[in-house]
Amino acid sequence: MINLQDIGYVRLGTGDIEAAARYAKTVLGLEEAGRAGGAIYFRSDSRDHTLAYFAGDPADHTAGFEVASGEALDAAGAEIEAQRLPVRHGTREECELRRCAAFIHFKDPSGNGIDLVVRPHHSGRRYFPSRDAGITGFSHIGLRTTDAARDEAFWTRVCSARVSDRIGAAPLLRIDEVHHKIALFPSAYPGVQHINHQVEGVDDIMRAYYFLKERNVKIVFGPGRHPTSSAIFLYFEGPDGMVYEYSTGVRNITDEANYRPRQFPFEAGSFCMWGSKPDIPEFRK
């Protein structure tokens, strides 16, 4: 079993890196953390970075997860190879660009790009946002899956994820107490489906709603509240069609021994208990 410590970052290709950087700072509210190797890095908490845009194919996405040690990384690589998934070890130059001591890269069974990372860099200072969005940190991602049951088995049996709830075939997976760090949504193709940042409270959600509407940023879902995680949310569109989410009040699961996943039907009410309807393909039948 590969013990995932935390989700660390997302790397996104883009055809217009300067436009993506402006969005990350002026709309999303992240702090630029440097530029190197054709990439621009952004902070949302005390870590070195949690998002990187690089000049490249907008369909080229990678999600990074932290493991505990070099020994754990070697064991993880062997386990991934045992699943007949090719594994590539990062070069020294690539580690410098990932800002970590070491990493391996592979694709999950759907073809999603995954890094397992050892000793990712931290900044040693507080996150200082480019605007007061109320962000407290990067929290989770949605991943597209071409076979939800197969990929759920991979993330739970090969990695250390546990199912918190399901919406239809889509599992919401935790790797610590937080309700989910990974959500798998059925799709015809792989890729990061959405990127979540937590904000301090409901006021930040509503301020963001009006801020985005005034700037004609497309809101694709919310404001609303998830009946699964209890989080109050707002989803909106970013560069290259990537969906970003602000949310607050996500549920923690502390009674690991006695918790049982719940099954929700795949319908609008299972995504929002307030009645908001999603304009997101993976959230619609």
C-alpha atoms as a PDB file:
ATOM      1  CA  MET A   1       0.000   0.000   0.000  1.00  0.00           C
ATOM      2  CA  ILE A   2       1.329   3.417  -1.006  1.00  0.00           C
ATOM      3  CA  ASN A   3       0.763   5.803   1.894  1.00  0.00           C
ATOM      4  CA  LEU A   4      -0.107   9.217   0.462  1.00  0.00           C
ATOM      5  CA  GLN A   5       0.714  11.971   2.960  1.00  0.00           C
ATOM      6  CA  ASP A   6      -1.061  14.884   1.250  1.00  0.00           C
ATOM      7  CA  ILE A   7      -1.909  16.375  -2.101  1.00  0.00           C
ATOM      8  CA  GLY A   8       0.852  18.803  -3.027  1.00  0.00           C
ATOM      9  CA  TYR A   9       0.347  20.594  -6.318  1.00  0.00           C
ATOM     10  CA  VAL A  10      -1.151  20.676  -9.782  1.00  0.00           C
ATOM     11  CA  ARG A  11       0.815  21.403 -12.959  1.00  0.00           C
ATOM     12  CA  LEU A  12      -1.173  22.684 -15.943  1.00  0.00           C
ATOM     13  CA  GLY A  13      -0.086  23.277 -19.510  1.00  0.00           C
ATOM     14  CA  THR A  14      -1.380  26.423 -21.187  1.00  0.00           C
ATOM     15  CA  GLY A  15      -1.102  28.091 -24.568  1.00  0.00           C
ATOM     16  CA  ASP A  16      -0.899  31.591 -23.043  1.00  0.00           C
ATOM     17  CA  ILE A  17       1.142  31.471 -19.871  1.00  0.00           C
ATOM     18  CA  GLU A  18       1.053  35.218 -19.188  1.00  0.00           C
ATOM     19  CA  ALA A  19      -2.756  35.297 -19.420  1.00  0.00           C
ATOM     20  CA  ALA A  20      -2.937  32.286 -17.103  1.00  0.00           C
ATOM     21  CA  ALA A  21      -0.593  34.024 -14.639  1.00  0.00           C
ATOM     22  CA  ARG A  22      -2.738  37.165 -14.647  1.00  0.00           C
ATOM     23  CA  TYR A  23      -5.807  35.080 -13.925  1.00  0.00           C
ATOM     24  CA  ALA A  24      -4.083  33.201 -11.086  1.00  0.00           C
ATOM     25  CA  LYS A  25      -3.119  36.463  -9.405  1.00  0.00           C
ATOM     26  CA  THR A  26      -5.943  38.898 -10.148  1.00  0.00           C
ATOM     27  CA  VAL A  27      -8.942  36.556 -10.255  1.00  0.00           C
ATOM     28  CA  LEU A  28      -8.053  33.410  -8.322  1.00  0.00           C
ATOM     29  CA  GLY A  29      -6.048  35.361  -5.735  1.00  0.00           C
ATOM     30  CA  LEU A  30      -2.798  33.386  -5.546  1.00  0.00           C
ATOM     31  CA  GLU A  31       0.720  34.659  -4.870  1.00  0.00           C
ATOM     32  CA  GLU A  32       3.335  34.313  -7.603  1.00  0.00           C
ATOM     33  CA  ALA A  33       6.235  32.274  -6.221  1.00  0.00           C
ATOM     34  CA  GLY A  34       8.760  32.448  -9.041  1.00  0.00           C
ATOM     35  CA  ARG A  35       9.489  31.489 -12.635  1.00  0.00           C
ATOM     36  CA  ALA A  36      11.786  28.779 -14.002  1.00  0.00           C
ATOM     37  CA  GLY A  37      12.022  26.435 -16.955  1.00  0.00           C
ATOM     38  CA  GLY A  38       9.033  27.911 -18.749  1.00  0.00           C
ATOM     39  CA  ALA A  39       6.789  27.572 -15.679  1.00  0.00           C
ATOM     40  CA  ILE A  40       5.225  30.117 -13.308  1.00  0.00           C
ATOM     41  CA  TYR A  41       4.602  28.973  -9.730  1.00  0.00           C
ATOM     42  CA  PHE A  42       1.851  30.095  -7.361  1.00  0.00           C
ATOM     43  CA  ARG A  43       1.328  29.774  -3.618  1.00  0.00           C
ATOM     44  CA  SER A  44      -1.949  29.420  -1.737  1.00  0.00           C
ATOM     45  CA  ASP A  45      -0.536  28.505   1.683  1.00  0.00           C
ATOM     46  CA  SER A  46       2.833  28.117   3.417  1.00  0.00           C
ATOM     47  CA  ARG A  47       4.156  25.606   0.883  1.00  0.00           C
ATOM     48  CA  ASP A  48       6.567  26.634  -1.865  1.00  0.00           C
ATOM     49  CA  HIS A  49       3.813  26.325  -4.469  1.00  0.00           C
ATOM     50  CA  THR A  50       0.571  24.477  -5.052  1.00  0.00           C
ATOM     51  CA  LEU A  51      -0.111  25.426  -8.690  1.00  0.00           C
ATOM     52  CA  ALA A  52       2.238  25.736 -11.639  1.00  0.00           C
ATOM     53  CA  TYR A  53       1.332  26.857 -15.127  1.00  0.00           C
ATOM     54  CA  PHE A  54       3.784  25.947 -17.887  1.00  0.00           C
ATOM     55  CA  ALA A  55       3.890  26.698 -21.596  1.00  0.00           C
ATOM     56  CA  GLY A  56       2.517  23.568 -23.221  1.00  0.00           C
ATOM     57  CA  ASP A  57      -0.508  21.520 -24.185  1.00  0.00           C
ATOM     58  CA  PRO A  58      -3.595  22.667 -22.186  1.00  0.00           C
ATOM     59  CA  ALA A  59      -4.566  18.992 -21.884  1.00  0.00           C
ATOM     60  CA  ASP A  60      -1.259  18.190 -20.106  1.00  0.00           C
ATOM     61  CA  HIS A  61      -2.136  17.967 -16.393  1.00  0.00           C
ATOM     62  CA  THR A  62      -0.187  16.470 -13.491  1.00  0.00           C
ATOM     63  CA  ALA A  63      -1.252  16.131  -9.857  1.00  0.00           C
ATOM     64  CA  GLY A  64       1.476  15.771  -7.226  1.00  0.00           C
ATOM     65  CA  PHE A  65       1.125  13.796  -3.981  1.00  0.00           C
ATOM     66  CA  GLU A  66       3.639  13.636  -1.138  1.00  0.00           C
ATOM     67  CA  VAL A  67       5.085  10.401   0.261  1.00  0.00           C
ATOM     68  CA  ALA A  68       7.108  10.144   3.443  1.00  0.00           C
ATOM     69  CA  SER A  69      10.646   9.224   2.355  1.00  0.00           C
ATOM     70  CA  GLY A  70      12.978   8.045  -0.358  1.00  0.00           C
ATOM     71  CA  GLU A  71      12.412   4.477   0.786  1.00  0.00           C
ATOM     72  CA  ALA A  72       8.658   4.982   0.527  1.00  0.00           C
ATOM     73  CA  LEU A  73       9.135   6.416  -2.967  1.00  0.00           C
ATOM     74  CA  ASP A  74      11.164   3.393  -4.099  1.00  0.00           C
ATOM     75  CA  ALA A  75       8.541   1.034  -2.685  1.00  0.00           C
ATOM     76  CA  ALA A  76       5.798   3.049  -4.379  1.00  0.00           C
ATOM     77  CA  GLY A  77       7.596   2.821  -7.712  1.00  0.00           C
ATOM     78  CA  ALA A  78       7.832  -0.958  -7.387  1.00  0.00           C
ATOM     79  CA  GLU A  79       4.144  -1.178  -6.473  1.00  0.00           C
ATOM     80  CA  ILE A  80       3.097   0.956  -9.451  1.00  0.00           C
ATOM     81  CA  GLU A  81       5.215  -1.163 -11.799  1.00  0.00           C
ATOM     82  CA  ALA A  82       3.572  -4.281 -10.340  1.00  0.00           C
ATOM     83  CA  GLN A  83       0.279  -2.829 -11.622  1.00  0.00           C
ATOM     84  CA  ARG A  84       1.852  -2.788 -15.116  1.00  0.00           C
ATOM     85  CA  LEU A  85       1.935   1.000 -15.170  1.00  0.00           C
ATOM     86  CA  PRO A  86       5.203   2.487 -16.482  1.00  0.00           C
ATOM     87  CA  VAL A  87       7.135   4.559 -13.922  1.00  0.00           C
ATOM     88  CA  ARG A  88       9.669   7.291 -14.672  1.00  0.00           C
ATOM     89  CA  HIS A  89      12.065   8.726 -12.095  1.00  0.00           C
ATOM     90  CA  GLY A  90      12.548  12.476 -12.239  1.00  0.00           C
ATOM     91  CA  THR A  91      15.956  13.796 -13.272  1.00  0.00           C
ATOM     92  CA  ARG A  92      17.863  16.263 -11.106  1.00  0.00           C
ATOM     93  CA  GLU A  93      16.749  19.121 -13.357  1.00  0.00           C
ATOM     94  CA  GLU A  94      13.135  17.968 -13.214  1.00  0.00           C
ATOM     95  CA  CYS A  95      13.320  17.754  -9.403  1.00  0.00           C
ATOM     96  CA  GLU A  96      14.546  21.351  -9.331  1.00  0.00           C
ATOM     97  CA  LEU A  97      11.561  22.361 -11.449  1.00  0.00           C
ATOM     98  CA  ARG A  98       9.191  20.339  -9.246  1.00  0.00           C
ATOM     99  CA  ARG A  99      10.945  21.944  -6.234  1.00  0.00           C
ATOM    100  CA  CYS A 100      11.392  18.660  -4.404  1.00  0.00           C
ATOM    101  CA  ALA A 101      14.120  16.201  -3.413  1.00  0.00           C
ATOM    102  CA  ALA A 102      12.891  13.370  -5.648  1.00  0.00           C
ATOM    103  CA  PHE A 103       9.806  12.198  -7.506  1.00  0.00           C
ATOM    104  CA  ILE A 104       8.422   9.514  -9.769  1.00  0.00           C
ATOM    105  CA  HIS A 105       5.866  10.071 -12.507  1.00  0.00           C
ATOM    106  CA  PHE A 106       3.260   7.660 -13.843  1.00  0.00           C
ATOM    107  CA  LYS A 107      -0.231   7.650 -15.293  1.00  0.00           C
ATOM    108  CA  ASP A 108      -3.122   6.122 -13.398  1.00  0.00           C
ATOM    109  CA  PRO A 109      -5.311   3.539 -15.191  1.00  0.00           C
ATOM    110  CA  SER A 110      -7.359   6.315 -16.854  1.00  0.00           C
ATOM    111  CA  GLY A 111      -4.234   8.134 -18.048  1.00  0.00           C
ATOM    112  CA  ASN A 112      -4.119  10.916 -15.455  1.00  0.00           C
ATOM    113  CA  GLY A 113      -0.580  12.213 -14.881  1.00  0.00           C
ATOM    114  CA  ILE A 114       0.529  11.620 -11.274  1.00  0.00           C
ATOM    115  CA  ASP A 115       3.724  12.614  -9.439  1.00  0.00           C
ATOM    116  CA  LEU A 116       4.721  11.016  -6.140  1.00  0.00           C
ATOM    117  CA  VAL A 117       7.048  13.476  -4.423  1.00  0.00           C
ATOM    118  CA  VAL A 118       9.549  13.343  -1.557  1.00  0.00           C
ATOM    119  CA  ARG A 119      10.394  16.434   0.510  1.00  0.00           C
ATOM    120  CA  PRO A 120       8.559  19.096  -1.453  1.00  0.00           C
ATOM    121  CA  HIS A 121       9.873  22.562  -0.678  1.00  0.00           C
ATOM    122  CA  HIS A 122       8.190  24.840   1.839  1.00  0.00           C
ATOM    123  CA  SER A 123       8.494  28.610   1.786  1.00  0.00           C
ATOM    124  CA  GLY A 124       9.043  29.284   5.499  1.00  0.00           C
ATOM    125  CA  ARG A 125       6.721  32.268   5.332  1.00  0.00           C
ATOM    126  CA  ARG A 126       3.041  33.072   5.243  1.00  0.00           C
ATOM    127  CA  TYR A 127       1.099  33.108   2.004  1.00  0.00           C
ATOM    128  CA  PHE A 128       0.563  36.724   0.945  1.00  0.00           C
ATOM    129  CA  PRO A 129      -2.294  36.889  -1.570  1.00  0.00           C
ATOM    130  CA  SER A 130      -2.458  39.170  -4.575  1.00  0.00           C
ATOM    131  CA  ARG A 131      -6.028  39.970  -3.544  1.00  0.00           C
ATOM    132  CA  ASP A 132      -8.055  39.244  -0.431  1.00  0.00           C
ATOM    133  CA  ALA A 133      -9.891  36.141  -1.617  1.00  0.00           C
ATOM    134  CA  GLY A 134      -9.823  34.569   1.851  1.00  0.00           C
ATOM    135  CA  ILE A 135      -7.922  31.496   0.632  1.00  0.00           C
ATOM    136  CA  THR A 136      -6.521  29.308   3.402  1.00  0.00           C
ATOM    137  CA  GLY A 137      -4.970  26.646   1.169  1.00  0.00           C
ATOM    138  CA  PHE A 138      -5.110  24.177  -1.690  1.00  0.00           C
ATOM    139  CA  SER A 139      -7.326  21.280  -0.651  1.00  0.00           C
ATOM    140  CA  HIS A 140      -8.407  18.806  -3.337  1.00  0.00           C
ATOM    141  CA  ILE A 141      -8.864  17.974  -7.000  1.00  0.00           C
ATOM    142  CA  GLY A 142     -11.431  16.305  -9.181  1.00  0.00           C
ATOM    143  CA  LEU A 143      -9.971  13.789 -11.621  1.00  0.00           C
ATOM    144  CA  ARG A 144     -11.702  12.408 -14.681  1.00  0.00           C
ATOM    145  CA  THR A 145     -12.002   8.636 -14.855  1.00  0.00           C
ATOM    146  CA  THR A 146     -12.843   6.435 -17.819  1.00  0.00           C
ATOM    147  CA  ASP A 147     -13.784   3.581 -15.459  1.00  0.00           C
ATOM    148  CA  ALA A 148     -14.799   4.673 -11.967  1.00  0.00           C
ATOM    149  CA  ALA A 149     -14.868   1.198 -10.374  1.00  0.00           C
ATOM    150  CA  ARG A 150     -11.422   0.307 -11.735  1.00  0.00           C
ATOM    151  CA  ASP A 151      -9.893   3.619 -10.652  1.00  0.00           C
ATOM    152  CA  GLU A 152     -11.538   3.485  -7.228  1.00  0.00           C
ATOM    153  CA  ALA A 153      -9.866   0.097  -6.757  1.00  0.00           C
ATOM    154  CA  PHE A 154      -6.504   1.549  -7.815  1.00  0.00           C
ATOM    155  CA  TRP A 155      -6.657   4.505  -5.430  1.00  0.00           C
ATOM    156  CA  THR A 156      -7.955   2.466  -2.480  1.00  0.00           C
ATOM    157  CA  ARG A 157      -6.074  -0.840  -2.903  1.00  0.00           C
ATOM    158  CA  VAL A 158      -2.775   0.391  -4.342  1.00  0.00           C
ATOM    159  CA  CYS A 159      -2.724   3.828  -2.708  1.00  0.00           C
ATOM    160  CA  SER A 160      -4.020   4.700   0.757  1.00  0.00           C
ATOM    161  CA  ALA A 161      -7.278   6.452  -0.157  1.00  0.00           C
ATOM    162  CA  ARG A 162     -10.586   5.572   1.493  1.00  0.00           C
ATOM    163  CA  VAL A 163     -14.067   6.150   0.131  1.00  0.00           C
ATOM    164  CA  SER A 164     -15.995   8.808   2.047  1.00  0.00           C
ATOM    165  CA  ASP A 165     -19.119   8.865  -0.141  1.00  0.00           C
ATOM    166  CA  ARG A 166     -20.211   8.080  -3.686  1.00  0.00           C
ATOM    167  CA  ILE A 167     -22.424  10.045  -6.063  1.00  0.00           C
ATOM    168  CA  GLY A 168     -23.579   7.462  -8.534  1.00  0.00           C
ATOM    169  CA  ALA A 169     -20.366   5.735  -9.618  1.00  0.00           C
ATOM    170  CA  ALA A 170     -18.193   8.723  -8.611  1.00  0.00           C
ATOM    171  CA  PRO A 171     -16.214   8.103  -5.395  1.00  0.00           C
ATOM    172  CA  LEU A 172     -15.048  10.905  -3.101  1.00  0.00           C
ATOM    173  CA  LEU A 173     -11.739   9.756  -1.599  1.00  0.00           C
ATOM    174  CA  ARG A 174      -9.899  10.853   1.546  1.00  0.00           C
ATOM    175  CA  ILE A 175      -6.254  10.312   2.477  1.00  0.00           C
ATOM    176  CA  ASP A 176      -6.518  11.992   5.890  1.00  0.00           C
ATOM    177  CA  GLU A 177      -9.413  13.285   8.001  1.00  0.00           C
ATOM    178  CA  VAL A 178     -10.661  15.722   5.343  1.00  0.00           C
ATOM    179  CA  HIS A 179     -13.758  14.350   3.586  1.00  0.00           C
ATOM    180  CA  HIS A 180     -11.985  14.123   0.249  1.00  0.00           C
ATOM    181  CA  LYS A 181      -8.703  15.065  -1.399  1.00  0.00           C
ATOM    182  CA  ILE A 182      -9.527  13.262  -4.678  1.00  0.00           C
ATOM    183  CA  ALA A 183     -12.879  12.944  -6.431  1.00  0.00           C
ATOM    184  CA  LEU A 184     -13.224  10.679  -9.489  1.00  0.00           C
ATOM    185  CA  PHE A 185     -15.820  11.737 -12.059  1.00  0.00           C
ATOM    186  CA  PRO A 186     -16.732   9.546 -15.038  1.00  0.00           C
ATOM    187  CA  SER A 187     -15.652  11.010 -18.363  1.00  0.00           C
ATOM    188  CA  ALA A 188     -14.597   9.954 -21.856  1.00  0.00           C
ATOM    189  CA  TYR A 189     -11.050  11.251 -21.345  1.00  0.00           C
ATOM    190  CA  PRO A 190      -8.546  11.841 -18.504  1.00  0.00           C
ATOM    191  CA  GLY A 191      -7.395  15.079 -16.867  1.00  0.00           C
ATOM    192  CA  VAL A 192      -7.858  17.290 -13.848  1.00  0.00           C
ATOM    193  CA  GLN A 193     -11.569  18.124 -13.711  1.00  0.00           C
ATOM    194  CA  HIS A 194     -11.486  20.849 -11.047  1.00  0.00           C
ATOM    195  CA  ILE A 195      -9.116  22.397  -8.496  1.00  0.00           C
ATOM    196  CA  ASN A 196     -10.306  23.354  -5.021  1.00  0.00           C
ATOM    197  CA  HIS A 197      -9.048  26.028  -2.636  1.00  0.00           C
ATOM    198  CA  GLN A 198     -10.505  26.417   0.818  1.00  0.00           C
ATOM    199  CA  VAL A 199     -11.542  29.879   2.003  1.00  0.00           C
ATOM    200  CA  GLU A 200     -12.133  31.134   5.525  1.00  0.00           C
ATOM    201  CA  GLY A 201     -15.914  31.402   5.530  1.00  0.00           C
ATOM    202  CA  VAL A 202     -19.256  31.947   3.825  1.00  0.00           C
ATOM    203  CA  ASP A 203     -18.555  35.671   3.484  1.00  0.00           C
ATOM    204  CA  ASP A 204     -15.593  34.830   1.230  1.00  0.00           C
ATOM    205  CA  ILE A 205     -17.808  32.644  -0.963  1.00  0.00           C
ATOM    206  CA  MET A 206     -20.343  35.444  -1.418  1.00  0.00           C
ATOM    207  CA  ARG A 207     -17.700  38.130  -1.955  1.00  0.00           C
ATOM    208  CA  ALA A 208     -16.180  35.903  -4.630  1.00  0.00           C
ATOM    209  CA  TYR A 209     -19.573  35.433  -6.280  1.00  0.00           C
ATOM    210  CA  TYR A 210     -20.064  39.168  -6.770  1.00  0.00           C
ATOM    211  CA  PHE A 211     -16.383  39.773  -7.583  1.00  0.00           C
ATOM    212  CA  LEU A 212     -16.496  37.169 -10.376  1.00  0.00           C
ATOM    213  CA  LYS A 213     -19.840  38.345 -11.762  1.00  0.00           C
ATOM    214  CA  GLU A 214     -18.589  41.937 -12.001  1.00  0.00           C
ATOM    215  CA  ARG A 215     -15.609  40.729 -14.064  1.00  0.00           C
ATOM    216  CA  ASN A 216     -17.665  38.438 -16.298  1.00  0.00           C
ATOM    217  CA  VAL A 217     -15.924  35.299 -15.060  1.00  0.00           C
ATOM    218  CA  LYS A 218     -18.191  32.371 -15.888  1.00  0.00           C
ATOM    219  CA  ILE A 219     -19.731  30.832 -12.764  1.00  0.00           C
ATOM    220  CA  VAL A 220     -20.527  27.195 -13.491  1.00  0.00           C
ATOM    221  CA  PHE A 221     -22.010  26.060 -10.164  1.00  0.00           C
ATOM    222  CA  GLY A 222     -23.219  27.705  -6.989  1.00  0.00           C
ATOM    223  CA  PRO A 223     -23.234  29.262  -4.553  1.00  0.00           C
ATOM    224  CA  GLY A 224     -24.424  26.040  -3.016  1.00  0.00           C
ATOM    225  CA  ARG A 225     -23.775  23.385  -0.402  1.00  0.00           C
ATOM    226  CA  HIS A 226     -22.629  19.812  -0.950  1.00  0.00           C
ATOM    227  CA  PRO A 227     -24.697  17.239   0.976  1.00  0.00           C
ATOM    228  CA  THR A 228     -21.688  14.890   0.919  1.00  0.00           C
ATOM    229  CA  SER A 229     -18.905  17.000   2.442  1.00  0.00           C
ATOM    230  CA  SER A 230     -21.196  19.726   3.900  1.00  0.00           C
ATOM    231  CA  ALA A 231     -18.964  22.352   2.222  1.00  0.00           C
ATOM    232  CA  ILE A 232     -20.432  25.616   0.939  1.00  0.00           C
ATOM    233  CA  PHE A 233     -19.024  26.125  -2.551  1.00  0.00           C
ATOM    234  CA  LEU A 234     -18.632  28.201  -5.682  1.00  0.00           C
ATOM    235  CA  TYR A 235     -17.239  26.837  -8.978  1.00  0.00           C
ATOM    236  CA  PHE A 236     -15.991  29.073 -11.783  1.00  0.00           C
ATOM    237  CA  GLU A 237     -14.119  28.780 -15.056  1.00  0.00           C
ATOM    238  CA  GLY A 238     -10.446  29.588 -15.521  1.00  0.00           C
ATOM    239  CA  PRO A 239      -7.934  29.527 -18.381  1.00  0.00           C
ATOM    240  CA  ASP A 240      -8.229  26.704 -20.930  1.00  0.00           C
ATOM    241  CA  GLY A 241     -11.600  25.706 -19.464  1.00  0.00           C
ATOM    242  CA  MET A 242     -10.197  24.545 -16.121  1.00  0.00           C
ATOM    243  CA  VAL A 243     -12.772  24.755 -13.339  1.00  0.00           C
ATOM    244  CA  TYR A 244     -11.738  26.225  -9.983  1.00  0.00           C
ATOM    245  CA  GLU A 245     -13.682  25.913  -6.739  1.00  0.00           C
ATOM    246  CA  TYR A 246     -13.737  27.896  -3.528  1.00  0.00           C
ATOM    247  CA  SER A 247     -15.321  26.103  -0.589  1.00  0.00           C
ATOM    248  CA  THR A 248     -15.568  26.350   3.170  1.00  0.00           C
ATOM    249  CA  GLY A 249     -16.782  24.161   6.023  1.00  0.00           C
ATOM    250  CA  VAL A 250     -15.711  20.797   4.618  1.00  0.00           C
ATOM    251  CA  ARG A 251     -16.491  17.857   6.849  1.00  0.00           C
ATOM    252  CA  ASN A 252     -13.749  15.935   8.675  1.00  0.00           C
ATOM    253  CA  ILE A 253     -14.089  12.199   9.290  1.00  0.00           C
ATOM    254  CA  THR A 254     -12.506  11.399  12.639  1.00  0.00           C
ATOM    255  CA  ASP A 255     -14.155   8.078  13.585  1.00  0.00           C
ATOM    256  CA  GLU A 256     -12.310   6.023  10.993  1.00  0.00           C
ATOM    257  CA  ALA A 257     -13.216   2.652  12.504  1.00  0.00           C
ATOM    258  CA  ASN A 258     -16.974   3.205  12.450  1.00  0.00           C
ATOM    259  CA  TYR A 259     -17.455   5.395   9.386  1.00  0.00           C
ATOM    260  CA  ARG A 260     -19.339   3.882   6.440  1.00  0.00           C
ATOM    261  CA  PRO A 261     -19.512   5.535   2.997  1.00  0.00           C
ATOM    262  CA  ARG A 262     -22.905   6.789   1.891  1.00  0.00           C
ATOM    263  CA  GLN A 263     -24.376   6.256  -1.583  1.00  0.00           C
ATOM    264  CA  PHE A 264     -26.006   9.271  -3.240  1.00  0.00           C
ATOM    265  CA  PRO A 265     -27.909   9.046  -6.541  1.00  0.00           C
ATOM    266  CA  PHE A 266     -26.336  10.739  -9.549  1.00  0.00           C
ATOM    267  CA  GLU A 267     -28.623  13.772  -9.703  1.00  0.00           C
ATOM    268  CA  ALA A 268     -28.382  17.522  -9.164  1.00  0.00           C
ATOM    269  CA  GLY A 269     -29.583  17.314  -5.562  1.00  0.00           C
ATOM    270  CA  SER A 270     -26.661  15.079  -4.644  1.00  0.00           C
ATOM    271  CA  PHE A 271     -24.249  17.817  -5.717  1.00  0.00           C
ATOM    272  CA  CYS A 272     -26.136  20.736  -4.117  1.00  0.00           C
ATOM    273  CA  MET A 273     -28.687  20.587  -1.313  1.00  0.00           C
ATOM    274  CA  TRP A 274     -29.707  24.230  -1.883  1.00  0.00           C
ATOM    275  CA  GLY A 275     -30.899  23.747  -5.445  1.00  0.00           C
ATOM    276  CA  SER A 276     -28.080  25.167  -7.568  1.00  0.00           C
ATOM    277  CA  LYS A 277     -27.753  23.342 -10.899  1.00  0.00           C
ATOM    278  CA  PRO A 278     -24.251  22.594 -12.236  1.00  0.00           C
ATOM    279  CA  ASP A 279     -23.065  23.751 -15.639  1.00  0.00           C
ATOM    280  CA  ILE A 280     -20.234  21.189 -15.494  1.00  0.00           C
ATOM    281  CA  PRO A 281     -20.375  18.193 -17.868  1.00  0.00           C
ATOM    282  CA  GLU A 282     -19.170  15.630 -15.319  1.00  0.00           C
ATOM    283  CA  PHE A 283     -21.840  16.735 -12.826  1.00  0.00           C
ATOM    284  CA  ARG A 284     -24.703  16.196 -15.293  1.00  0.00           C
ATOM    285  CA  LYS A 285     -26.279  13.040 -16.670  1.00  0.00           C
END
